[in-house]
Amino acid sequence: MKGHLPTPAQLPLQMPQLRDGWQRRTCRAMLRMAGWSLVGAFPDTPKLVLIAAPHSSWWDGVWGLLIKVAIGADVHFMGKQELFFWPLGGLLRRLGGMPIDRGAAKGVVEQMIDQFRQRDRLWLGIAPEGTRKPVKRWKSGFWRIAHDAGVPIFPVAFHYPDKTIQLGPLFDTSADMDADLVRLRAFYAPFKGKHRDV
Protein backbone atom coordinates (compact mmCIF):
# COMPACT_ATOMS: atom_id res chain seq x y z
CA MET A 1 0.00 0.00 0.00
CA LYS A 2 1.52 3.28 -1.09
CA GLY A 3 1.50 6.20 1.27
CA HIS A 4 2.02 9.93 1.20
CA LEU A 5 4.16 12.74 2.57
CA PRO A 6 2.09 14.98 4.85
CA THR A 7 2.31 18.75 4.51
CA PRO A 8 3.01 20.96 7.56
CA ALA A 9 -0.71 21.75 7.78
CA GLN A 10 -1.48 18.02 8.09
CA LEU A 11 0.85 17.41 11.05
CA PRO A 12 -0.54 17.13 14.60
CA LEU A 13 -0.46 20.37 16.59
CA GLN A 14 1.48 18.92 19.55
CA MET A 15 4.12 17.24 17.36
CA PRO A 16 7.54 18.96 17.64
CA GLN A 17 8.17 20.54 14.25
CA LEU A 18 11.01 22.15 12.33
CA ARG A 19 10.65 25.45 10.50
CA ASP A 20 9.69 25.25 6.86
CA GLY A 21 12.41 26.07 4.36
CA TRP A 22 14.31 25.01 1.28
CA GLN A 23 15.70 21.93 3.06
CA ARG A 24 12.18 20.54 3.52
CA ARG A 25 11.25 21.15 -0.11
CA THR A 26 14.52 19.62 -1.33
CA CYS A 27 14.08 16.48 0.78
CA ARG A 28 10.46 16.09 -0.35
CA ALA A 29 11.59 16.22 -3.98
CA MET A 30 14.34 13.66 -3.33
CA LEU A 31 11.91 11.26 -1.65
CA ARG A 32 9.39 11.58 -4.47
CA MET A 33 12.11 10.78 -7.01
CA ALA A 34 13.26 7.80 -4.92
CA GLY A 35 9.67 6.57 -4.45
CA TRP A 36 9.51 6.63 -0.62
CA SER A 37 6.43 7.62 1.37
CA LEU A 38 4.67 7.21 4.71
CA VAL A 39 1.72 4.98 5.62
CA GLY A 40 -0.33 5.87 8.68
CA ALA A 41 -0.56 8.97 10.84
CA PHE A 42 1.53 10.71 13.45
CA PRO A 43 0.14 10.90 16.99
CA ASP A 44 -0.84 14.25 18.48
CA THR A 45 1.38 14.11 21.54
CA PRO A 46 4.29 16.32 22.63
CA LYS A 47 6.55 13.59 24.03
CA LEU A 48 7.34 10.04 22.95
CA VAL A 49 10.08 7.55 22.20
CA LEU A 50 10.06 6.65 18.50
CA ILE A 51 11.56 3.26 17.66
CA ALA A 52 12.50 2.32 14.10
CA ALA A 53 13.14 -1.20 12.78
CA PRO A 54 14.22 -3.35 11.03
CA HIS A 55 17.61 -1.65 11.00
CA SER A 56 19.60 -3.66 8.48
CA SER A 57 21.38 -1.01 6.40
CA TRP A 58 22.96 2.42 6.73
CA TRP A 59 20.35 3.45 4.12
CA ASP A 60 17.77 3.32 6.93
CA GLY A 61 19.39 6.41 8.43
CA VAL A 62 19.45 8.17 5.07
CA TRP A 63 15.76 7.57 4.33
CA GLY A 64 14.77 8.28 7.91
CA LEU A 65 16.63 11.59 7.94
CA LEU A 66 15.17 12.61 4.57
CA ILE A 67 11.64 11.82 5.81
CA LYS A 68 12.26 13.73 9.04
CA VAL A 69 13.37 16.88 7.23
CA ALA A 70 10.83 16.52 4.38
CA ILE A 71 7.84 16.54 6.71
CA GLY A 72 9.41 18.83 9.31
CA ALA A 73 9.40 16.38 12.22
CA ASP A 74 11.72 17.54 15.01
CA VAL A 75 12.86 14.04 16.04
CA HIS A 76 16.02 13.90 18.14
CA PHE A 77 18.62 11.14 18.36
CA MET A 78 21.44 10.33 20.77
CA GLY A 79 25.13 10.48 19.95
CA LYS A 80 28.27 10.22 22.06
CA GLN A 81 29.44 13.68 23.01
CA GLU A 82 32.84 13.10 21.39
CA LEU A 83 31.14 13.44 17.98
CA PHE A 84 29.85 16.94 18.74
CA PHE A 85 33.04 18.83 17.96
CA TRP A 86 33.40 21.69 15.46
CA PRO A 87 32.29 21.71 12.68
CA LEU A 88 30.43 18.38 12.88
CA GLY A 89 28.81 19.23 16.20
CA GLY A 90 26.77 22.11 14.82
CA LEU A 91 25.48 20.00 11.96
CA LEU A 92 24.57 17.10 14.26
CA ARG A 93 22.66 19.43 16.57
CA ARG A 94 20.75 20.98 13.65
CA LEU A 95 19.80 17.46 12.52
CA GLY A 96 18.47 16.65 16.01
CA GLY A 97 21.52 15.15 17.68
CA MET A 98 21.69 15.14 21.47
CA PRO A 99 25.17 14.60 22.98
CA ILE A 100 25.43 11.85 25.58
CA ASP A 101 28.19 11.70 28.19
CA ARG A 102 28.94 7.99 28.58
CA GLY A 103 31.31 8.68 31.47
CA ALA A 104 28.81 10.70 33.51
CA ALA A 105 27.59 9.56 36.91
CA LYS A 106 24.13 9.29 35.38
CA GLY A 107 23.82 6.64 32.68
CA VAL A 108 22.40 7.18 29.20
CA VAL A 109 18.89 6.17 30.24
CA GLU A 110 18.90 8.58 33.18
CA GLN A 111 20.26 11.42 31.01
CA MET A 112 17.42 10.93 28.52
CA ILE A 113 14.80 10.76 31.28
CA ASP A 114 16.13 14.11 32.53
CA GLN A 115 15.76 15.55 29.02
CA PHE A 116 12.11 14.48 28.93
CA ARG A 117 11.52 16.10 32.31
CA GLN A 118 13.19 19.36 31.27
CA ARG A 119 11.42 19.83 27.93
CA ASP A 120 7.83 20.63 27.01
CA ARG A 121 8.18 18.67 23.76
CA LEU A 122 10.55 15.87 22.83
CA TRP A 123 10.37 13.08 20.28
CA LEU A 124 13.39 10.80 20.72
CA GLY A 125 14.25 8.32 17.96
CA ILE A 126 16.05 5.04 18.79
CA ALA A 127 16.90 1.87 16.84
CA PRO A 128 15.99 -0.86 19.38
CA GLU A 129 18.19 -3.46 17.68
CA GLY A 130 21.22 -1.28 18.37
CA THR A 131 23.04 -2.60 15.29
CA ARG A 132 22.48 -3.44 11.63
CA LYS A 133 23.28 -7.10 12.32
CA PRO A 134 20.54 -9.60 13.23
CA VAL A 135 19.92 -9.79 16.99
CA LYS A 136 17.88 -12.25 19.03
CA ARG A 137 17.06 -9.68 21.70
CA TRP A 138 16.53 -5.93 21.44
CA LYS A 139 18.35 -3.56 23.75
CA SER A 140 15.98 -2.46 26.50
CA GLY A 141 17.17 1.14 26.95
CA PHE A 142 14.37 2.61 24.81
CA TRP A 143 11.73 0.82 26.91
CA ARG A 144 13.30 1.98 30.19
CA ILE A 145 13.48 5.58 28.95
CA ALA A 146 9.83 5.58 27.88
CA HIS A 147 8.59 3.74 30.98
CA ASP A 148 10.48 5.82 33.54
CA ALA A 149 9.79 9.11 31.74
CA GLY A 150 6.10 8.22 31.51
CA VAL A 151 5.88 8.69 27.74
CA PRO A 152 4.49 6.35 25.06
CA ILE A 153 6.46 4.38 22.46
CA PHE A 154 5.77 5.08 18.79
CA PRO A 155 6.79 2.13 16.54
CA VAL A 156 7.88 2.97 12.98
CA ALA A 157 8.79 0.29 10.44
CA PHE A 158 10.86 0.34 7.25
CA HIS A 159 9.32 -1.74 4.47
CA TYR A 160 11.69 -1.85 1.52
CA PRO A 161 9.59 -3.95 -0.92
CA ASP A 162 7.22 -1.02 -1.51
CA LYS A 163 9.44 1.78 -0.17
CA THR A 164 7.16 2.79 2.66
CA ILE A 165 7.70 3.75 6.26
CA GLN A 166 4.79 2.44 8.33
CA LEU A 167 3.65 4.53 11.30
CA GLY A 168 2.26 2.33 14.05
CA PRO A 169 -0.13 3.02 16.91
CA LEU A 170 1.10 4.53 20.15
CA PHE A 171 2.18 1.90 22.67
CA ASP A 172 1.97 2.48 26.42
CA THR A 173 4.41 0.46 28.51
CA SER A 174 3.23 -1.88 31.23
CA ALA A 175 5.01 -3.21 34.32
CA ASP A 176 6.16 -6.25 32.28
CA MET A 177 9.03 -5.23 30.01
CA ASP A 178 9.48 -8.66 28.45
CA ALA A 179 5.80 -8.91 27.50
CA ASP A 180 5.93 -5.40 26.03
CA LEU A 181 8.96 -6.28 23.89
CA VAL A 182 7.16 -9.37 22.56
CA ARG A 183 4.14 -7.26 21.61
CA LEU A 184 6.29 -4.60 19.96
CA ARG A 185 8.26 -7.13 17.94
CA ALA A 186 4.98 -8.68 16.78
CA PHE A 187 4.06 -5.33 15.22
CA TYR A 188 7.19 -5.53 13.06
CA ALA A 189 6.63 -9.10 11.86
CA PRO A 190 5.14 -8.17 8.44
CA PHE A 191 7.84 -5.65 7.53
CA LYS A 192 11.02 -6.27 5.56
CA GLY A 193 14.19 -4.23 5.86
CA LYS A 194 16.73 -3.79 3.09
CA HIS A 195 18.62 -6.96 4.05
CA ARG A 196 16.33 -8.73 6.55
CA ASP A 197 13.23 -8.53 8.70
CA VAL A 198 13.19 -8.10 12.49
C-alpha atoms as a PDB file:
ATOM      1  CA  MET A   1       0.000   0.000   0.000  1.00  0.00           C
ATOM      2  CA  LYS A   2       1.525   3.281  -1.094  1.00  0.00           C
ATOM      3  CA  GLY A   3       1.497   6.198   1.272  1.00  0.00           C
ATOM      4  CA  HIS A   4       2.020   9.926   1.200  1.00  0.00           C
ATOM      5  CA  LEU A   5       4.164  12.743   2.570  1.00  0.00           C
ATOM      6  CA  PRO A   6       2.093  14.985   4.851  1.00  0.00           C
ATOM      7  CA  THR A   7       2.314  18.750   4.513  1.00  0.00           C
ATOM      8  CA  PRO A   8       3.010  20.964   7.559  1.00  0.00           C
ATOM      9  CA  ALA A   9      -0.707  21.753   7.775  1.00  0.00           C
ATOM     10  CA  GLN A  10      -1.476  18.016   8.085  1.00  0.00           C
ATOM     11  CA  LEU A  11       0.848  17.407  11.046  1.00  0.00           C
ATOM     12  CA  PRO A  12      -0.538  17.134  14.602  1.00  0.00           C
ATOM     13  CA  LEU A  13      -0.460  20.371  16.587  1.00  0.00           C
ATOM     14  CA  GLN A  14       1.482  18.917  19.545  1.00  0.00           C
ATOM     15  CA  MET A  15       4.124  17.240  17.360  1.00  0.00           C
ATOM     16  CA  PRO A  16       7.535  18.960  17.643  1.00  0.00           C
ATOM     17  CA  GLN A  17       8.167  20.543  14.246  1.00  0.00           C
ATOM     18  CA  LEU A  18      11.012  22.146  12.334  1.00  0.00           C
ATOM     19  CA  ARG A  19      10.649  25.445  10.502  1.00  0.00           C
ATOM     20  CA  ASP A  20       9.685  25.253   6.856  1.00  0.00           C
ATOM     21  CA  GLY A  21      12.413  26.067   4.364  1.00  0.00           C
ATOM     22  CA  TRP A  22      14.314  25.009   1.279  1.00  0.00           C
ATOM     23  CA  GLN A  23      15.696  21.927   3.063  1.00  0.00           C
ATOM     24  CA  ARG A  24      12.179  20.545   3.519  1.00  0.00           C
ATOM     25  CA  ARG A  25      11.251  21.153  -0.107  1.00  0.00           C
ATOM     26  CA  THR A  26      14.518  19.618  -1.334  1.00  0.00           C
ATOM     27  CA  CYS A  27      14.078  16.477   0.781  1.00  0.00           C
ATOM     28  CA  ARG A  28      10.461  16.086  -0.351  1.00  0.00           C
ATOM     29  CA  ALA A  29      11.588  16.221  -3.983  1.00  0.00           C
ATOM     30  CA  MET A  30      14.340  13.664  -3.325  1.00  0.00           C
ATOM     31  CA  LEU A  31      11.911  11.259  -1.655  1.00  0.00           C
ATOM     32  CA  ARG A  32       9.395  11.582  -4.468  1.00  0.00           C
ATOM     33  CA  MET A  33      12.112  10.778  -7.014  1.00  0.00           C
ATOM     34  CA  ALA A  34      13.256   7.798  -4.918  1.00  0.00           C
ATOM     35  CA  GLY A  35       9.672   6.566  -4.455  1.00  0.00           C
ATOM     36  CA  TRP A  36       9.514   6.626  -0.619  1.00  0.00           C
ATOM     37  CA  SER A  37       6.431   7.621   1.365  1.00  0.00           C
ATOM     38  CA  LEU A  38       4.666   7.213   4.705  1.00  0.00           C
ATOM     39  CA  VAL A  39       1.722   4.980   5.622  1.00  0.00           C
ATOM     40  CA  GLY A  40      -0.329   5.868   8.682  1.00  0.00           C
ATOM     41  CA  ALA A  41      -0.562   8.966  10.844  1.00  0.00           C
ATOM     42  CA  PHE A  42       1.535  10.711  13.452  1.00  0.00           C
ATOM     43  CA  PRO A  43       0.137  10.904  16.991  1.00  0.00           C
ATOM     44  CA  ASP A  44      -0.843  14.248  18.477  1.00  0.00           C
ATOM     45  CA  THR A  45       1.380  14.112  21.545  1.00  0.00           C
ATOM     46  CA  PRO A  46       4.293  16.322  22.631  1.00  0.00           C
ATOM     47  CA  LYS A  47       6.546  13.593  24.032  1.00  0.00           C
ATOM     48  CA  LEU A  48       7.338  10.043  22.953  1.00  0.00           C
ATOM     49  CA  VAL A  49      10.081   7.546  22.197  1.00  0.00           C
ATOM     50  CA  LEU A  50      10.059   6.651  18.499  1.00  0.00           C
ATOM     51  CA  ILE A  51      11.562   3.260  17.662  1.00  0.00           C
ATOM     52  CA  ALA A  52      12.500   2.320  14.100  1.00  0.00           C
ATOM     53  CA  ALA A  53      13.143  -1.203  12.783  1.00  0.00           C
ATOM     54  CA  PRO A  54      14.222  -3.350  11.035  1.00  0.00           C
ATOM     55  CA  HIS A  55      17.611  -1.647  11.002  1.00  0.00           C
ATOM     56  CA  SER A  56      19.599  -3.662   8.477  1.00  0.00           C
ATOM     57  CA  SER A  57      21.379  -1.014   6.402  1.00  0.00           C
ATOM     58  CA  TRP A  58      22.958   2.420   6.726  1.00  0.00           C
ATOM     59  CA  TRP A  59      20.355   3.447   4.119  1.00  0.00           C
ATOM     60  CA  ASP A  60      17.773   3.323   6.933  1.00  0.00           C
ATOM     61  CA  GLY A  61      19.387   6.406   8.430  1.00  0.00           C
ATOM     62  CA  VAL A  62      19.449   8.168   5.066  1.00  0.00           C
ATOM     63  CA  TRP A  63      15.761   7.569   4.327  1.00  0.00           C
ATOM     64  CA  GLY A  64      14.772   8.275   7.913  1.00  0.00           C
ATOM     65  CA  LEU A  65      16.626  11.592   7.937  1.00  0.00           C
ATOM     66  CA  LEU A  66      15.167  12.615   4.569  1.00  0.00           C
ATOM     67  CA  ILE A  67      11.638  11.816   5.807  1.00  0.00           C
ATOM     68  CA  LYS A  68      12.258  13.729   9.037  1.00  0.00           C
ATOM     69  CA  VAL A  69      13.371  16.876   7.225  1.00  0.00           C
ATOM     70  CA  ALA A  70      10.831  16.522   4.382  1.00  0.00           C
ATOM     71  CA  ILE A  71       7.842  16.543   6.708  1.00  0.00           C
ATOM     72  CA  GLY A  72       9.410  18.833   9.309  1.00  0.00           C
ATOM     73  CA  ALA A  73       9.402  16.379  12.223  1.00  0.00           C
ATOM     74  CA  ASP A  74      11.723  17.540  15.008  1.00  0.00           C
ATOM     75  CA  VAL A  75      12.860  14.042  16.036  1.00  0.00           C
ATOM     76  CA  HIS A  76      16.020  13.895  18.137  1.00  0.00           C
ATOM     77  CA  PHE A  77      18.616  11.140  18.357  1.00  0.00           C
ATOM     78  CA  MET A  78      21.438  10.334  20.767  1.00  0.00           C
ATOM     79  CA  GLY A  79      25.131  10.483  19.950  1.00  0.00           C
ATOM     80  CA  LYS A  80      28.269  10.215  22.055  1.00  0.00           C
ATOM     81  CA  GLN A  81      29.441  13.676  23.012  1.00  0.00           C
ATOM     82  CA  GLU A  82      32.843  13.105  21.395  1.00  0.00           C
ATOM     83  CA  LEU A  83      31.139  13.439  17.981  1.00  0.00           C
ATOM     84  CA  PHE A  84      29.849  16.936  18.745  1.00  0.00           C
ATOM     85  CA  PHE A  85      33.040  18.826  17.955  1.00  0.00           C
ATOM     86  CA  TRP A  86      33.396  21.688  15.462  1.00  0.00           C
ATOM     87  CA  PRO A  87      32.286  21.713  12.678  1.00  0.00           C
ATOM     88  CA  LEU A  88      30.426  18.383  12.878  1.00  0.00           C
ATOM     89  CA  GLY A  89      28.809  19.234  16.197  1.00  0.00           C
ATOM     90  CA  GLY A  90      26.769  22.114  14.822  1.00  0.00           C
ATOM     91  CA  LEU A  91      25.476  20.003  11.958  1.00  0.00           C
ATOM     92  CA  LEU A  92      24.574  17.098  14.257  1.00  0.00           C
ATOM     93  CA  ARG A  93      22.660  19.429  16.574  1.00  0.00           C
ATOM     94  CA  ARG A  94      20.753  20.979  13.651  1.00  0.00           C
ATOM     95  CA  LEU A  95      19.804  17.464  12.518  1.00  0.00           C
ATOM     96  CA  GLY A  96      18.469  16.653  16.005  1.00  0.00           C
ATOM     97  CA  GLY A  97      21.522  15.154  17.680  1.00  0.00           C
ATOM     98  CA  MET A  98      21.687  15.138  21.474  1.00  0.00           C
ATOM     99  CA  PRO A  99      25.171  14.603  22.976  1.00  0.00           C
ATOM    100  CA  ILE A 100      25.434  11.846  25.579  1.00  0.00           C
ATOM    101  CA  ASP A 101      28.186  11.700  28.191  1.00  0.00           C
ATOM    102  CA  ARG A 102      28.944   7.991  28.575  1.00  0.00           C
ATOM    103  CA  GLY A 103      31.310   8.680  31.475  1.00  0.00           C
ATOM    104  CA  ALA A 104      28.812  10.697  33.512  1.00  0.00           C
ATOM    105  CA  ALA A 105      27.586   9.557  36.914  1.00  0.00           C
ATOM    106  CA  LYS A 106      24.127   9.288  35.384  1.00  0.00           C
ATOM    107  CA  GLY A 107      23.820   6.640  32.682  1.00  0.00           C
ATOM    108  CA  VAL A 108      22.405   7.181  29.203  1.00  0.00           C
ATOM    109  CA  VAL A 109      18.887   6.170  30.243  1.00  0.00           C
ATOM    110  CA  GLU A 110      18.904   8.583  33.182  1.00  0.00           C
ATOM    111  CA  GLN A 111      20.257  11.417  31.014  1.00  0.00           C
ATOM    112  CA  MET A 112      17.424  10.934  28.525  1.00  0.00           C
ATOM    113  CA  ILE A 113      14.802  10.763  31.278  1.00  0.00           C
ATOM    114  CA  ASP A 114      16.130  14.114  32.529  1.00  0.00           C
ATOM    115  CA  GLN A 115      15.763  15.545  29.019  1.00  0.00           C
ATOM    116  CA  PHE A 116      12.108  14.476  28.928  1.00  0.00           C
ATOM    117  CA  ARG A 117      11.517  16.104  32.312  1.00  0.00           C
ATOM    118  CA  GLN A 118      13.193  19.360  31.266  1.00  0.00           C
ATOM    119  CA  ARG A 119      11.415  19.831  27.929  1.00  0.00           C
ATOM    120  CA  ASP A 120       7.829  20.635  27.009  1.00  0.00           C
ATOM    121  CA  ARG A 121       8.181  18.670  23.761  1.00  0.00           C
ATOM    122  CA  LEU A 122      10.552  15.871  22.826  1.00  0.00           C
ATOM    123  CA  TRP A 123      10.371  13.079  20.283  1.00  0.00           C
ATOM    124  CA  LEU A 124      13.386  10.804  20.719  1.00  0.00           C
ATOM    125  CA  GLY A 125      14.255   8.323  17.963  1.00  0.00           C
ATOM    126  CA  ILE A 126      16.049   5.044  18.790  1.00  0.00           C
ATOM    127  CA  ALA A 127      16.899   1.872  16.845  1.00  0.00           C
ATOM    128  CA  PRO A 128      15.989  -0.858  19.385  1.00  0.00           C
ATOM    129  CA  GLU A 129      18.188  -3.461  17.683  1.00  0.00           C
ATOM    130  CA  GLY A 130      21.223  -1.278  18.374  1.00  0.00           C
ATOM    131  CA  THR A 131      23.043  -2.603  15.288  1.00  0.00           C
ATOM    132  CA  ARG A 132      22.480  -3.439  11.626  1.00  0.00           C
ATOM    133  CA  LYS A 133      23.282  -7.105  12.317  1.00  0.00           C
ATOM    134  CA  PRO A 134      20.544  -9.597  13.234  1.00  0.00           C
ATOM    135  CA  VAL A 135      19.921  -9.786  16.987  1.00  0.00           C
ATOM    136  CA  LYS A 136      17.878 -12.246  19.026  1.00  0.00           C
ATOM    137  CA  ARG A 137      17.061  -9.677  21.697  1.00  0.00           C
ATOM    138  CA  TRP A 138      16.532  -5.930  21.441  1.00  0.00           C
ATOM    139  CA  LYS A 139      18.352  -3.557  23.745  1.00  0.00           C
ATOM    140  CA  SER A 140      15.984  -2.455  26.504  1.00  0.00           C
ATOM    141  CA  GLY A 141      17.167   1.144  26.946  1.00  0.00           C
ATOM    142  CA  PHE A 142      14.371   2.611  24.810  1.00  0.00           C
ATOM    143  CA  TRP A 143      11.735   0.824  26.914  1.00  0.00           C
ATOM    144  CA  ARG A 144      13.296   1.980  30.186  1.00  0.00           C
ATOM    145  CA  ILE A 145      13.477   5.577  28.955  1.00  0.00           C
ATOM    146  CA  ALA A 146       9.832   5.581  27.882  1.00  0.00           C
ATOM    147  CA  HIS A 147       8.591   3.739  30.981  1.00  0.00           C
ATOM    148  CA  ASP A 148      10.484   5.815  33.535  1.00  0.00           C
ATOM    149  CA  ALA A 149       9.793   9.112  31.743  1.00  0.00           C
ATOM    150  CA  GLY A 150       6.099   8.219  31.510  1.00  0.00           C
ATOM    151  CA  VAL A 151       5.878   8.688  27.741  1.00  0.00           C
ATOM    152  CA  PRO A 152       4.487   6.346  25.059  1.00  0.00           C
ATOM    153  CA  ILE A 153       6.464   4.382  22.464  1.00  0.00           C
ATOM    154  CA  PHE A 154       5.770   5.080  18.795  1.00  0.00           C
ATOM    155  CA  PRO A 155       6.787   2.133  16.541  1.00  0.00           C
ATOM    156  CA  VAL A 156       7.877   2.971  12.985  1.00  0.00           C
ATOM    157  CA  ALA A 157       8.787   0.286  10.437  1.00  0.00           C
ATOM    158  CA  PHE A 158      10.859   0.343   7.253  1.00  0.00           C
ATOM    159  CA  HIS A 159       9.316  -1.742   4.469  1.00  0.00           C
ATOM    160  CA  TYR A 160      11.691  -1.853   1.518  1.00  0.00           C
ATOM    161  CA  PRO A 161       9.588  -3.953  -0.924  1.00  0.00           C
ATOM    162  CA  ASP A 162       7.219  -1.023  -1.513  1.00  0.00           C
ATOM    163  CA  LYS A 163       9.445   1.785  -0.170  1.00  0.00           C
ATOM    164  CA  THR A 164       7.161   2.786   2.664  1.00  0.00           C
ATOM    165  CA  ILE A 165       7.700   3.751   6.263  1.00  0.00           C
ATOM    166  CA  GLN A 166       4.790   2.440   8.329  1.00  0.00           C
ATOM    167  CA  LEU A 167       3.646   4.533  11.300  1.00  0.00           C
ATOM    168  CA  GLY A 168       2.262   2.330  14.051  1.00  0.00           C
ATOM    169  CA  PRO A 169      -0.133   3.016  16.910  1.00  0.00           C
ATOM    170  CA  LEU A 170       1.098   4.532  20.152  1.00  0.00           C
ATOM    171  CA  PHE A 171       2.176   1.900  22.666  1.00  0.00           C
ATOM    172  CA  ASP A 172       1.968   2.475  26.425  1.00  0.00           C
ATOM    173  CA  THR A 173       4.414   0.462  28.506  1.00  0.00           C
ATOM    174  CA  SER A 174       3.235  -1.884  31.235  1.00  0.00           C
ATOM    175  CA  ALA A 175       5.009  -3.212  34.317  1.00  0.00           C
ATOM    176  CA  ASP A 176       6.159  -6.246  32.282  1.00  0.00           C
ATOM    177  CA  MET A 177       9.029  -5.225  30.009  1.00  0.00           C
ATOM    178  CA  ASP A 178       9.477  -8.660  28.446  1.00  0.00           C
ATOM    179  CA  ALA A 179       5.803  -8.910  27.501  1.00  0.00           C
ATOM    180  CA  ASP A 180       5.932  -5.403  26.035  1.00  0.00           C
ATOM    181  CA  LEU A 181       8.957  -6.284  23.892  1.00  0.00           C
ATOM    182  CA  VAL A 182       7.164  -9.371  22.561  1.00  0.00           C
ATOM    183  CA  ARG A 183       4.141  -7.257  21.608  1.00  0.00           C
ATOM    184  CA  LEU A 184       6.292  -4.600  19.955  1.00  0.00           C
ATOM    185  CA  ARG A 185       8.257  -7.134  17.939  1.00  0.00           C
ATOM    186  CA  ALA A 186       4.980  -8.676  16.784  1.00  0.00           C
ATOM    187  CA  PHE A 187       4.058  -5.329  15.224  1.00  0.00           C
ATOM    188  CA  TYR A 188       7.193  -5.526  13.064  1.00  0.00           C
ATOM    189  CA  ALA A 189       6.631  -9.102  11.863  1.00  0.00           C
ATOM    190  CA  PRO A 190       5.138  -8.167   8.439  1.00  0.00           C
ATOM    191  CA  PHE A 191       7.843  -5.648   7.531  1.00  0.00           C
ATOM    192  CA  LYS A 192      11.018  -6.268   5.560  1.00  0.00           C
ATOM    193  CA  GLY A 193      14.193  -4.234   5.863  1.00  0.00           C
ATOM    194  CA  LYS A 194      16.727  -3.795   3.092  1.00  0.00           C
ATOM    195  CA  HIS A 195      18.618  -6.959   4.048  1.00  0.00           C
ATOM    196  CA  ARG A 196      16.332  -8.733   6.552  1.00  0.00           C
ATOM    197  CA  ASP A 197      13.235  -8.534   8.695  1.00  0.00           C
ATOM    198  CA  VAL A 198      13.190  -8.097  12.491  1.00  0.00           C
END
